[in-house]
C-alpha atoms as a PDB file:
ATOM      1  CA  MET A   1       5.397   8.338  26.611  1.00  0.00           C
ATOM      2  CA  LYS A   2       8.973   7.352  25.744  1.00  0.00           C
ATOM      3  CA  ARG A   3       8.806   4.139  23.667  1.00  0.00           C
ATOM      4  CA  ILE A   4       6.148   3.076  21.151  1.00  0.00           C
ATOM      5  CA  LEU A   5       5.957   0.064  18.825  1.00  0.00           C
ATOM      6  CA  ILE A   6       3.712  -0.163  15.743  1.00  0.00           C
ATOM      7  CA  ILE A   7       3.118  -3.663  14.326  1.00  0.00           C
ATOM      8  CA  GLN A   8       2.162  -4.354  10.702  1.00  0.00           C
ATOM      9  CA  THR A   9       3.675  -7.456   9.117  1.00  0.00           C
ATOM     10  CA  ALA A  10       1.152  -8.012   6.315  1.00  0.00           C
ATOM     11  CA  SER A  11       1.430  -6.666   2.760  1.00  0.00           C
ATOM     12  CA  LEU A  12       3.492  -3.714   1.596  1.00  0.00           C
ATOM     13  CA  GLY A  13       0.392  -1.616   0.972  1.00  0.00           C
ATOM     14  CA  ASP A  14      -0.762  -2.231   4.554  1.00  0.00           C
ATOM     15  CA  VAL A  15       2.590  -0.942   5.797  1.00  0.00           C
ATOM     16  CA  VAL A  16       2.270   2.268   3.795  1.00  0.00           C
ATOM     17  CA  LEU A  17      -1.263   2.791   5.125  1.00  0.00           C
ATOM     18  CA  CYS A  18       0.188   2.768   8.649  1.00  0.00           C
ATOM     19  CA  THR A  19       2.382   5.812   7.999  1.00  0.00           C
ATOM     20  CA  PRO A  20      -0.317   8.248   9.230  1.00  0.00           C
ATOM     21  CA  LEU A  21       0.017   6.515  12.612  1.00  0.00           C
ATOM     22  CA  ILE A  22       3.712   7.398  12.636  1.00  0.00           C
ATOM     23  CA  GLU A  23       2.919  11.011  11.709  1.00  0.00           C
ATOM     24  CA  LYS A  24       0.252  11.380  14.408  1.00  0.00           C
ATOM     25  CA  LEU A  25       2.173   9.716  17.221  1.00  0.00           C
ATOM     26  CA  HIS A  26       5.224  11.826  16.441  1.00  0.00           C
ATOM     27  CA  HIS A  27       3.059  14.961  16.457  1.00  0.00           C
ATOM     28  CA  PHE A  28       1.746  14.199  19.950  1.00  0.00           C
ATOM     29  CA  TYR A  29       4.940  12.657  21.329  1.00  0.00           C
ATOM     30  CA  PRO A  30       7.846  14.295  19.460  1.00  0.00           C
ATOM     31  CA  GLY A  31      10.385  12.998  21.962  1.00  0.00           C
ATOM     32  CA  ALA A  32       9.232   9.386  21.867  1.00  0.00           C
ATOM     33  CA  LYS A  33      11.239   6.633  20.216  1.00  0.00           C
ATOM     34  CA  ILE A  34       8.866   5.005  17.731  1.00  0.00           C
ATOM     35  CA  ASP A  35       9.733   1.554  16.379  1.00  0.00           C
ATOM     36  CA  PHE A  36       7.980  -0.267  13.526  1.00  0.00           C
ATOM     37  CA  LEU A  37       7.783  -4.035  12.991  1.00  0.00           C
ATOM     38  CA  LEU A  38       7.254  -5.256   9.425  1.00  0.00           C
ATOM     39  CA  LYS A  39       7.875  -8.311   7.278  1.00  0.00           C
ATOM     40  CA  TYR A  40      11.314  -9.039   5.894  1.00  0.00           C
ATOM     41  CA  GLY A  41      11.754  -7.577   2.412  1.00  0.00           C
ATOM     42  CA  TYR A  42       9.727  -4.429   3.039  1.00  0.00           C
ATOM     43  CA  GLU A  43      12.119  -2.642   5.405  1.00  0.00           C
ATOM     44  CA  GLU A  44      13.526  -0.372   2.695  1.00  0.00           C
ATOM     45  CA  VAL A  45      10.242   1.515   2.391  1.00  0.00           C
ATOM     46  CA  LEU A  46      10.608   2.879   5.960  1.00  0.00           C
ATOM     47  CA  ARG A  47      14.370   2.703   6.401  1.00  0.00           C
ATOM     48  CA  TYR A  48      14.953   6.467   6.216  1.00  0.00           C
ATOM     49  CA  HIS A  49      11.722   7.604   7.832  1.00  0.00           C
ATOM     50  CA  PRO A  50      12.660  10.659   9.942  1.00  0.00           C
ATOM     51  CA  TYR A  51      10.216   9.846  12.753  1.00  0.00           C
ATOM     52  CA  LEU A  52      11.201   6.228  13.302  1.00  0.00           C
ATOM     53  CA  HIS A  53      13.849   5.128  15.775  1.00  0.00           C
ATOM     54  CA  HIS A  54      14.150   1.505  14.637  1.00  0.00           C
ATOM     55  CA  VAL A  55      12.647  -0.484  11.758  1.00  0.00           C
ATOM     56  CA  ILE A  56      12.433  -4.068  13.020  1.00  0.00           C
ATOM     57  CA  VAL A  57      12.165  -6.977  10.601  1.00  0.00           C
ATOM     58  CA  TRP A  58      10.337 -10.268  11.087  1.00  0.00           C
ATOM     59  CA  GLU A  59      11.594 -13.061   8.836  1.00  0.00           C
ATOM     60  CA  LYS A  60       8.406 -15.095   8.389  1.00  0.00           C
ATOM     61  CA  SER A  61       9.466 -17.412   5.556  1.00  0.00           C
ATOM     62  CA  HIS A  62      12.192 -19.201   7.554  1.00  0.00           C
ATOM     63  CA  LYS A  63      11.946 -20.309  11.196  1.00  0.00           C
ATOM     64  CA  LYS A  64       8.913 -18.073  11.628  1.00  0.00           C
ATOM     65  CA  TYR A  65       8.094 -19.026  15.220  1.00  0.00           C
ATOM     66  CA  ALA A  66      11.688 -19.099  16.408  1.00  0.00           C
ATOM     67  CA  HIS A  67      12.006 -15.539  15.134  1.00  0.00           C
ATOM     68  CA  LEU A  68       8.688 -14.659  16.794  1.00  0.00           C
ATOM     69  CA  LEU A  69      10.044 -15.761  20.180  1.00  0.00           C
ATOM     70  CA  GLU A  70      13.226 -13.801  19.566  1.00  0.00           C
ATOM     71  CA  LEU A  71      11.186 -10.684  18.810  1.00  0.00           C
ATOM     72  CA  ILE A  72       9.183 -11.102  22.008  1.00  0.00           C
ATOM     73  CA  ARG A  73      12.440 -11.141  23.990  1.00  0.00           C
ATOM     74  CA  ILE A  74      13.600  -7.978  22.200  1.00  0.00           C
ATOM     75  CA  PHE A  75      10.306  -6.223  22.888  1.00  0.00           C
ATOM     76  CA  ARG A  76      10.450  -7.130  26.564  1.00  0.00           C
ATOM     77  CA  ASP A  77      13.950  -5.675  26.821  1.00  0.00           C
ATOM     78  CA  ARG A  78      12.821  -2.414  25.221  1.00  0.00           C
ATOM     79  CA  LYS A  79      10.008  -1.948  27.746  1.00  0.00           C
ATOM     80  CA  TYR A  80       7.514  -0.240  25.470  1.00  0.00           C
ATOM     81  CA  ASP A  81       5.024   2.192  26.932  1.00  0.00           C
ATOM     82  CA  LEU A  82       2.588   1.428  24.102  1.00  0.00           C
ATOM     83  CA  ILE A  83       2.247  -1.269  21.450  1.00  0.00           C
ATOM     84  CA  VAL A  84      -0.141  -0.516  18.572  1.00  0.00           C
ATOM     85  CA  ASN A  85      -1.039  -3.711  16.703  1.00  0.00           C
ATOM     86  CA  THR A  86      -2.719  -2.935  13.369  1.00  0.00           C
ATOM     87  CA  GLN A  87      -3.074  -6.589  12.369  1.00  0.00           C
ATOM     88  CA  ARG A  88      -5.937  -8.956  12.984  1.00  0.00           C
ATOM     89  CA  PHE A  89      -4.020 -12.247  13.088  1.00  0.00           C
ATOM     90  CA  ALA A  90      -2.986 -14.466  15.955  1.00  0.00           C
ATOM     91  CA  SER A  91       0.808 -14.383  15.662  1.00  0.00           C
ATOM     92  CA  THR A  92       1.069 -10.611  16.113  1.00  0.00           C
ATOM     93  CA  GLY A  93      -1.538 -10.778  18.857  1.00  0.00           C
ATOM     94  CA  LEU A  94       0.634 -13.293  20.661  1.00  0.00           C
ATOM     95  CA  MET A  95       3.723 -11.098  20.521  1.00  0.00           C
ATOM     96  CA  THR A  96       1.678  -8.067  21.589  1.00  0.00           C
ATOM     97  CA  VAL A  97       0.460  -9.831  24.719  1.00  0.00           C
ATOM     98  CA  PHE A  98       3.792 -11.379  25.719  1.00  0.00           C
ATOM     99  CA  ALA A  99       5.906  -8.280  25.020  1.00  0.00           C
ATOM    100  CA  GLN A 100       4.828  -6.987  28.452  1.00  0.00           C
ATOM    101  CA  ALA A 101       4.293  -3.385  27.351  1.00  0.00           C
ATOM    102  CA  LYS A 102       2.660  -0.939  29.756  1.00  0.00           C
ATOM    103  CA  SER A 103      -0.282  -0.590  27.371  1.00  0.00           C
ATOM    104  CA  THR A 104      -1.468  -2.479  24.286  1.00  0.00           C
ATOM    105  CA  VAL A 105      -4.130  -1.714  21.693  1.00  0.00           C
ATOM    106  CA  GLY A 106      -5.357  -3.517  18.601  1.00  0.00           C
ATOM    107  CA  PHE A 107      -8.402  -4.491  16.605  1.00  0.00           C
ATOM    108  CA  SER A 108     -11.021  -6.635  18.309  1.00  0.00           C
ATOM    109  CA  LYS A 109     -10.850  -9.169  15.436  1.00  0.00           C
ATOM    110  CA  ASN A 110      -7.434 -10.289  16.620  1.00  0.00           C
ATOM    111  CA  PRO A 111      -7.804 -13.675  18.378  1.00  0.00           C
ATOM    112  CA  PHE A 112      -5.707 -12.374  21.297  1.00  0.00           C
ATOM    113  CA  ALA A 113      -7.460  -8.999  21.527  1.00  0.00           C
ATOM    114  CA  ILE A 114      -9.216 -10.069  24.721  1.00  0.00           C
ATOM    115  CA  PHE A 115      -5.829  -9.679  26.423  1.00  0.00           C
ATOM    116  CA  PHE A 116      -5.111  -6.207  25.013  1.00  0.00           C
ATOM    117  CA  ASN A 117      -5.670  -3.188  27.237  1.00  0.00           C
ATOM    118  CA  ARG A 118      -7.809  -1.601  24.541  1.00  0.00           C
ATOM    119  CA  ARG A 119      -9.734  -3.036  21.591  1.00  0.00           C
ATOM    120  CA  VAL A 120     -11.171  -1.197  18.573  1.00  0.00           C
ATOM    121  CA  SER A 121     -13.701  -2.442  16.006  1.00  0.00           C
ATOM    122  CA  HIS A 122     -12.492  -2.884  12.439  1.00  0.00           C
ATOM    123  CA  LEU A 123     -15.459  -2.432  10.095  1.00  0.00           C
ATOM    124  CA  ILE A 124     -15.025  -3.087   6.377  1.00  0.00           C
ATOM    125  CA  GLY A 125     -17.582  -2.082   3.785  1.00  0.00           C
ATOM    126  CA  LYS A 126     -20.435  -1.528   6.200  1.00  0.00           C
ATOM    127  CA  PRO A 127     -23.367   0.350   4.593  1.00  0.00           C
ATOM    128  CA  GLY A 128     -23.574   3.878   5.946  1.00  0.00           C
ATOM    129  CA  ASN A 129     -20.336   3.487   7.898  1.00  0.00           C
ATOM    130  CA  TYR A 130     -17.629   3.688   5.262  1.00  0.00           C
ATOM    131  CA  GLN A 131     -14.153   4.176   6.671  1.00  0.00           C
ATOM    132  CA  HIS A 132     -10.777   4.257   5.032  1.00  0.00           C
ATOM    133  CA  GLU A 133      -8.107   1.976   6.477  1.00  0.00           C
ATOM    134  CA  VAL A 134      -6.183   5.095   7.494  1.00  0.00           C
ATOM    135  CA  GLU A 135      -9.126   6.178   9.650  1.00  0.00           C
ATOM    136  CA  ARG A 136      -9.464   2.693  11.113  1.00  0.00           C
ATOM    137  CA  ASN A 137      -5.768   2.640  12.017  1.00  0.00           C
ATOM    138  CA  LEU A 138      -5.836   6.110  13.556  1.00  0.00           C
ATOM    139  CA  GLN A 139      -8.732   5.086  15.805  1.00  0.00           C
ATOM    140  CA  LEU A 140      -6.288   2.801  17.594  1.00  0.00           C
ATOM    141  CA  VAL A 141      -4.530   5.798  19.139  1.00  0.00           C
ATOM    142  CA  ASP A 142      -7.532   8.051  19.835  1.00  0.00           C
ATOM    143  CA  HIS A 143      -7.138   7.419  23.555  1.00  0.00           C
ATOM    144  CA  VAL A 144      -3.576   8.763  23.665  1.00  0.00           C
ATOM    145  CA  THR A 145      -3.962  11.516  21.039  1.00  0.00           C
ATOM    146  CA  ASP A 146      -7.304  12.837  19.744  1.00  0.00           C
ATOM    147  CA  THR A 147      -9.955  11.832  17.201  1.00  0.00           C
ATOM    148  CA  SER A 148      -8.576  13.779  14.222  1.00  0.00           C
ATOM    149  CA  VAL A 149      -7.779  11.839  11.042  1.00  0.00           C
ATOM    150  CA  ASN A 150      -6.098  14.528   8.937  1.00  0.00           C
ATOM    151  CA  TYR A 151      -2.687  12.862   8.825  1.00  0.00           C
ATOM    152  CA  PRO A 152      -1.166  11.961   5.452  1.00  0.00           C
ATOM    153  CA  VAL A 153      -0.010   8.701   3.990  1.00  0.00           C
ATOM    154  CA  LYS A 154       3.633   9.646   3.541  1.00  0.00           C
ATOM    155  CA  LEU A 155       6.942   8.156   2.448  1.00  0.00           C
ATOM    156  CA  TYR A 156      10.329   9.829   2.487  1.00  0.00           C
ATOM    157  CA  PRO A 157      12.503   9.079  -0.553  1.00  0.00           C
ATOM    158  CA  THR A 158      16.030  10.366  -0.054  1.00  0.00           C
ATOM    159  CA  GLN A 159      17.916  12.878  -2.189  1.00  0.00           C
ATOM    160  CA  THR A 160      19.702   9.872  -3.680  1.00  0.00           C
ATOM    161  CA  ASP A 161      16.369   8.323  -4.663  1.00  0.00           C
ATOM    162  CA  PHE A 162      15.253  11.507  -6.416  1.00  0.00           C
ATOM    163  CA  ALA A 163      18.653  11.828  -8.116  1.00  0.00           C
ATOM    164  CA  LYS A 164      18.389   8.231  -9.384  1.00  0.00           C
ATOM    165  CA  VAL A 165      15.084   8.898 -11.171  1.00  0.00           C
ATOM    166  CA  SER A 166      15.835  12.458 -12.332  1.00  0.00           C
ATOM    167  CA  GLN A 167      17.137  11.031 -15.616  1.00  0.00           C
ATOM    168  CA  PHE A 168      13.603   9.804 -16.368  1.00  0.00           C
ATOM    169  CA  LYS A 169      11.953  13.176 -15.744  1.00  0.00           C
ATOM    170  CA  THR A 170      13.306  15.132 -18.680  1.00  0.00           C
ATOM    171  CA  GLN A 171      10.035  14.802 -20.618  1.00  0.00           C
ATOM    172  CA  LYS A 172       6.337  14.398 -19.903  1.00  0.00           C
ATOM    173  CA  TYR A 173       5.542  10.874 -18.788  1.00  0.00           C
ATOM    174  CA  ILE A 174       3.066   8.498 -17.202  1.00  0.00           C
ATOM    175  CA  THR A 175       3.699   5.339 -15.212  1.00  0.00           C
ATOM    176  CA  ILE A 176       1.852   2.033 -15.382  1.00  0.00           C
ATOM    177  CA  SER A 177       2.165  -0.596 -12.654  1.00  0.00           C
ATOM    178  CA  PRO A 178       0.435  -3.588 -14.268  1.00  0.00           C
ATOM    179  CA  GLY A 179       1.186  -6.282 -11.688  1.00  0.00           C
ATOM    180  CA  SER A 180      -0.513  -7.588  -8.572  1.00  0.00           C
ATOM    181  CA  LEU A 181      -0.066 -10.498  -6.212  1.00  0.00           C
ATOM    182  CA  TRP A 182      -3.595 -11.623  -7.116  1.00  0.00           C
ATOM    183  CA  PHE A 183      -4.940 -12.493 -10.560  1.00  0.00           C
ATOM    184  CA  THR A 184      -8.401 -11.021  -9.928  1.00  0.00           C
ATOM    185  CA  LYS A 185      -6.899  -7.678  -8.848  1.00  0.00           C
ATOM    186  CA  GLN A 186      -4.802  -7.400 -11.999  1.00  0.00           C
ATOM    187  CA  LEU A 187      -6.130  -5.808 -15.164  1.00  0.00           C
ATOM    188  CA  PRO A 188      -5.404  -8.089 -18.158  1.00  0.00           C
ATOM    189  CA  ALA A 189      -2.325  -7.102 -20.144  1.00  0.00           C
ATOM    190  CA  GLU A 190      -4.340  -6.596 -23.332  1.00  0.00           C
ATOM    191  CA  LYS A 191      -6.106  -3.611 -21.729  1.00  0.00           C
ATOM    192  CA  TRP A 192      -2.809  -1.848 -21.040  1.00  0.00           C
ATOM    193  CA  ILE A 193      -1.635  -2.722 -24.538  1.00  0.00           C
ATOM    194  CA  GLU A 194      -4.759  -1.216 -26.083  1.00  0.00           C
ATOM    195  CA  MET A 195      -4.388   1.900 -23.977  1.00  0.00           C
ATOM    196  CA  MET A 196      -0.739   2.426 -24.967  1.00  0.00           C
ATOM    197  CA  ARG A 197      -1.669   2.053 -28.630  1.00  0.00           C
ATOM    198  CA  GLN A 198      -4.072   4.976 -28.235  1.00  0.00           C
ATOM    199  CA  LEU A 199      -1.698   7.263 -26.332  1.00  0.00           C
ATOM    200  CA  ASP A 200      -0.101  10.275 -27.964  1.00  0.00           C
ATOM    201  CA  LYS A 201       3.228   9.212 -29.396  1.00  0.00           C
ATOM    202  CA  ASP A 202       5.064  11.964 -27.507  1.00  0.00           C
ATOM    203  CA  VAL A 203       4.049  10.679 -24.056  1.00  0.00           C
ATOM    204  CA  MET A 204       6.751   8.615 -22.377  1.00  0.00           C
ATOM    205  CA  VAL A 205       5.505   5.504 -20.572  1.00  0.00           C
ATOM    206  CA  TYR A 206       7.424   3.905 -17.689  1.00  0.00           C
ATOM    207  CA  LEU A 207       6.309   0.461 -16.562  1.00  0.00           C
ATOM    208  CA  LEU A 208       6.953  -0.206 -12.888  1.00  0.00           C
ATOM    209  CA  GLY A 209       6.962  -3.276 -10.691  1.00  0.00           C
ATOM    210  CA  SER A 210       9.181  -5.841  -9.064  1.00  0.00           C
ATOM    211  CA  ALA A 211      11.499  -8.178 -10.949  1.00  0.00           C
ATOM    212  CA  ARG A 212       8.726 -10.785 -11.164  1.00  0.00           C
ATOM    213  CA  GLU A 213       6.756  -8.373 -13.392  1.00  0.00           C
ATOM    214  CA  ASN A 214       9.630  -7.970 -15.834  1.00  0.00           C
ATOM    215  CA  ALA A 215       8.284 -10.393 -18.446  1.00  0.00           C
ATOM    216  CA  LEU A 216       4.787  -8.922 -18.178  1.00  0.00           C
ATOM    217  CA  CYS A 217       6.089  -5.387 -18.724  1.00  0.00           C
ATOM    218  CA  ASP A 218       8.254  -6.511 -21.654  1.00  0.00           C
ATOM    219  CA  HIS A 219       5.219  -8.168 -23.247  1.00  0.00           C
ATOM    220  CA  ILE A 220       3.093  -5.033 -22.862  1.00  0.00           C
ATOM    221  CA  ILE A 221       5.742  -2.778 -24.393  1.00  0.00           C
ATOM    222  CA  LYS A 222       6.579  -5.102 -27.287  1.00  0.00           C
ATOM    223  CA  THR A 223       2.968  -5.845 -28.197  1.00  0.00           C
ATOM    224  CA  SER A 224       1.751  -2.260 -27.875  1.00  0.00           C
ATOM    225  CA  GLY A 225       4.370  -0.883 -30.239  1.00  0.00           C
ATOM    226  CA  HIS A 226       4.521   2.376 -28.258  1.00  0.00           C
ATOM    227  CA  ALA A 227       8.027   3.552 -29.103  1.00  0.00           C
ATOM    228  CA  LYS A 228       8.512   5.867 -26.132  1.00  0.00           C
ATOM    229  CA  SER A 229       8.276   3.313 -23.344  1.00  0.00           C
ATOM    230  CA  LEU A 230      10.722   1.759 -20.902  1.00  0.00           C
ATOM    231  CA  ASN A 231      10.518  -1.246 -18.611  1.00  0.00           C
ATOM    232  CA  LEU A 232      11.789  -0.238 -15.161  1.00  0.00           C
ATOM    233  CA  SER A 233      10.430  -3.258 -13.267  1.00  0.00           C
ATOM    234  CA  GLY A 234      13.065  -4.617 -10.928  1.00  0.00           C
ATOM    235  CA  ARG A 235      15.356  -1.662 -11.598  1.00  0.00           C
ATOM    236  CA  LEU A 236      14.026   0.765  -8.998  1.00  0.00           C
ATOM    237  CA  SER A 237      13.616   0.442  -5.255  1.00  0.00           C
ATOM    238  CA  PHE A 238      10.276   1.081  -3.575  1.00  0.00           C
ATOM    239  CA  LEU A 239      11.251   4.641  -2.685  1.00  0.00           C
ATOM    240  CA  GLN A 240      12.724   5.323  -6.126  1.00  0.00           C
ATOM    241  CA  SER A 241       9.454   4.187  -7.707  1.00  0.00           C
ATOM    242  CA  ALA A 242       7.579   6.550  -5.394  1.00  0.00           C
ATOM    243  CA  ALA A 243       9.950   9.390  -6.310  1.00  0.00           C
ATOM    244  CA  LEU A 244       9.316   8.774 -10.012  1.00  0.00           C
ATOM    245  CA  MET A 245       5.549   8.731  -9.497  1.00  0.00           C
ATOM    246  CA  LYS A 246       5.642  12.165  -7.881  1.00  0.00           C
ATOM    247  CA  ASP A 247       5.971  14.160 -11.105  1.00  0.00           C
ATOM    248  CA  ALA A 248       4.079  11.931 -13.542  1.00  0.00           C
ATOM    249  CA  LEU A 249       1.149  13.243 -15.560  1.00  0.00           C
ATOM    250  CA  MET A 250      -0.701  10.202 -14.244  1.00  0.00           C
ATOM    251  CA  ASN A 251       0.118   6.947 -12.472  1.00  0.00           C
ATOM    252  CA  TYR A 252      -2.023   3.972 -13.516  1.00  0.00           C
ATOM    253  CA  VAL A 253      -2.193   1.182 -10.947  1.00  0.00           C
ATOM    254  CA  ASN A 254      -4.227  -1.814  -9.827  1.00  0.00           C
ATOM    255  CA  ASP A 255      -5.697  -2.092  -6.330  1.00  0.00           C
ATOM    256  CA  SER A 256      -2.223  -2.872  -5.037  1.00  0.00           C
ATOM    257  CA  ALA A 257       0.828  -1.383  -3.284  1.00  0.00           C
ATOM    258  CA  PRO A 258       1.802   1.092  -6.075  1.00  0.00           C
ATOM    259  CA  MET A 259      -1.510   2.886  -5.434  1.00  0.00           C
ATOM    260  CA  HIS A 260      -0.319   3.621  -1.911  1.00  0.00           C
ATOM    261  CA  PHE A 261       3.110   4.732  -3.156  1.00  0.00           C
ATOM    262  CA  ALA A 262       1.336   7.332  -5.296  1.00  0.00           C
ATOM    263  CA  SER A 263      -0.815   8.402  -2.343  1.00  0.00           C
ATOM    264  CA  ALA A 264       2.283   8.725  -0.167  1.00  0.00           C
ATOM    265  CA  MET A 265       3.730  11.232  -2.665  1.00  0.00           C
ATOM    266  CA  ASN A 266       0.348  12.941  -3.244  1.00  0.00           C
ATOM    267  CA  ALA A 267       0.891  12.061  -6.905  1.00  0.00           C
ATOM    268  CA  PRO A 268      -1.941  11.864  -9.465  1.00  0.00           C
ATOM    269  CA  VAL A 269      -3.256   8.319  -9.604  1.00  0.00           C
ATOM    270  CA  THR A 270      -5.865   6.269 -11.425  1.00  0.00           C
ATOM    271  CA  VAL A 271      -6.752   3.017  -9.704  1.00  0.00           C
ATOM    272  CA  VAL A 272      -8.273   0.010 -11.468  1.00  0.00           C
ATOM    273  CA  TYR A 273     -10.669  -2.087  -9.402  1.00  0.00           C
ATOM    274  CA  CYS A 274     -11.497  -5.493 -10.839  1.00  0.00           C
ATOM    275  CA  SER A 275     -12.776  -7.978  -8.241  1.00  0.00           C
ATOM    276  CA  THR A 276     -12.448  -5.607  -5.259  1.00  0.00           C
ATOM    277  CA  VAL A 277     -14.202  -2.286  -4.616  1.00  0.00           C
ATOM    278  CA  PRO A 278     -13.061   1.051  -3.153  1.00  0.00           C
ATOM    279  CA  GLU A 279     -15.778   0.778  -0.495  1.00  0.00           C
ATOM    280  CA  PHE A 280     -13.564  -1.687   1.371  1.00  0.00           C
ATOM    281  CA  GLY A 281     -11.594   1.370   2.477  1.00  0.00           C
ATOM    282  CA  PHE A 282      -8.202   0.819   0.854  1.00  0.00           C
ATOM    283  CA  GLY A 283      -8.523   3.425  -1.897  1.00  0.00           C
ATOM    284  CA  PRO A 284      -6.223   6.246  -3.031  1.00  0.00           C
ATOM    285  CA  ARG A 285      -5.488   9.265  -0.825  1.00  0.00           C
ATOM    286  CA  SER A 286      -3.966  11.617  -3.419  1.00  0.00           C
ATOM    287  CA  GLU A 287      -5.683  14.934  -4.021  1.00  0.00           C
ATOM    288  CA  MET A 288      -5.949  14.003  -7.711  1.00  0.00           C
ATOM    289  CA  SER A 289      -7.264  10.460  -7.810  1.00  0.00           C
ATOM    290  CA  HIS A 290      -9.603   8.557 -10.104  1.00  0.00           C
ATOM    291  CA  ILE A 291     -11.357   5.211  -9.852  1.00  0.00           C
ATOM    292  CA  VAL A 292     -11.797   2.955 -12.880  1.00  0.00           C
ATOM    293  CA  GLN A 293     -14.069  -0.081 -12.613  1.00  0.00           C
ATOM    294  CA  SER A 294     -16.628  -1.968 -14.644  1.00  0.00           C
ATOM    295  CA  PRO A 295     -19.285   0.466 -15.925  1.00  0.00           C
ATOM    296  CA  LYS A 296     -21.861  -2.311 -15.609  1.00  0.00           C
ATOM    297  CA  PRO A 297     -23.068  -3.714 -12.275  1.00  0.00           C
ATOM    298  CA  LEU A 298     -22.131  -7.317 -11.561  1.00  0.00           C
ATOM    299  CA  SER A 299     -23.926  -9.465  -8.997  1.00  0.00           C
ATOM    300  CA  CYS A 300     -20.690 -11.356  -8.287  1.00  0.00           C
ATOM    301  CA  ARG A 301     -18.649  -8.244  -7.487  1.00  0.00           C
ATOM    302  CA  PRO A 302     -16.962  -7.915  -5.089  1.00  0.00           C
ATOM    303  CA  CYS A 303     -16.118 -11.581  -4.703  1.00  0.00           C
ATOM    304  CA  GLY A 304     -13.929 -11.087  -1.652  1.00  0.00           C
ATOM    305  CA  LEU A 305     -11.846  -8.671   0.395  1.00  0.00           C
ATOM    306  CA  HIS A 306      -8.639  -9.871  -1.248  1.00  0.00           C
ATOM    307  CA  GLY A 307      -7.966 -11.233  -4.691  1.00  0.00           C
ATOM    308  CA  PHE A 308      -8.097 -14.785  -6.013  1.00  0.00           C
ATOM    309  CA  LYS A 309      -5.773 -16.818  -8.226  1.00  0.00           C
ATOM    310  CA  LYS A 310      -8.603 -17.133 -10.752  1.00  0.00           C
ATOM    311  CA  CYS A 311     -12.102 -15.772 -11.282  1.00  0.00           C
ATOM    312  CA  PRO A 312     -14.578 -17.790  -9.167  1.00  0.00           C
ATOM    313  CA  GLU A 313     -17.208 -17.332 -11.914  1.00  0.00           C
ATOM    314  CA  LYS A 314     -14.710 -18.143 -14.703  1.00  0.00           C
ATOM    315  CA  HIS A 315     -15.617 -15.078 -16.805  1.00  0.00           C
ATOM    316  CA  PHE A 316     -13.609 -12.247 -15.123  1.00  0.00           C
ATOM    317  CA  ASN A 317     -16.116  -9.704 -16.420  1.00  0.00           C
ATOM    318  CA  CYS A 318     -15.159  -7.241 -13.692  1.00  0.00           C
ATOM    319  CA  ALA A 319     -11.932  -6.727 -15.672  1.00  0.00           C
ATOM    320  CA  HIS A 320     -12.989  -7.466 -19.233  1.00  0.00           C
ATOM    321  CA  GLN A 321     -15.873  -4.963 -19.120  1.00  0.00           C
ATOM    322  CA  ILE A 322     -13.535  -2.073 -18.279  1.00  0.00           C
ATOM    323  CA  GLU A 323     -13.090   0.187 -21.299  1.00  0.00           C
ATOM    324  CA  VAL A 324      -9.801   1.789 -22.307  1.00  0.00           C
ATOM    325  CA  LYS A 325     -11.482   5.164 -22.783  1.00  0.00           C
ATOM    326  CA  GLN A 326     -11.921   5.248 -18.998  1.00  0.00           C
ATOM    327  CA  PHE A 327      -8.134   5.556 -18.673  1.00  0.00           C
ATOM    328  CA  LEU A 328      -7.673   8.101 -21.402  1.00  0.00           C
ATOM    329  CA  GLU A 329     -10.450  10.373 -20.087  1.00  0.00           C
ATOM    330  CA  VAL A 330      -8.578  11.050 -16.846  1.00  0.00           C
ATOM    331  CA  LEU A 331      -5.199  11.803 -18.427  1.00  0.00           C
ATOM    332  CA  PRO A 332      -4.527  15.520 -17.788  1.00  0.00           C
ATOM    333  CA  ASP A 333      -3.823  17.954 -20.601  1.00  0.00           C
ATOM    334  CA  LYS A 334      -0.100  18.077 -21.092  1.00  0.00           C
END
């Protein structure tokens, strides 16, 4: 096999959870040129991946379908031996079918899967059949590799990335990534504020996120009064954030992309689940990982696979019932 394309143009976390596919395909086909298609804005996370030949970008926010047709033409020219489509939506199914690869594989939920050479079931949260998304993705290439799933979620920050964050590693520290694209996946700011008020004063706290989380992080720092804290949201790249997470005492995250950054560095991580649950199969992969969720059962939880802009029940108890001591209990001895 000489040319392979992996497709994942959904969220940033979904892209990171595809990295075991890159690792496994490279292991079995070290001479193959592996390309990866992702959404515009996320390319930096894989730009320096040593096992990728090309990182291809799909600009979906402007002239989406014109760009889709252009990508199909590019894929036809490259004459892929295998296309691995990890998405379950029609647009990527369309490009998979019309790219004219020798072989195509994807999940059976994709509307165009009937035209793929091979289809694989994608089971989420099925009782007695729990699978992580990594395992589900790796099943797509069982037929050209083997059935093993012991391949890591892995990112490759550069020496420059590590040098950039070395200035923040001169003392013991934790990171908090308080943001999320979805309201019901995001722990309320007052919980982080209460936690920081109870932290030892000698623990440095770095708040991470994109530029859109800047005001949120400023509010948490100012209101908490924790003197040794710094807002780094919008100041670090994806890979620089991952490099900083690597040596933290603990990384506190929501059920969101920063969780997967921590997993990709095998960094200690504590994940907060509000409306979603780890049984969906998108949980942490670090050796040292902890789950924090409501200690009380809720009949309304989970309320969906993804988050919502507001609580459907209007009480958001899945977040409000979480206790700050649950965060402090998992913080390692310094």
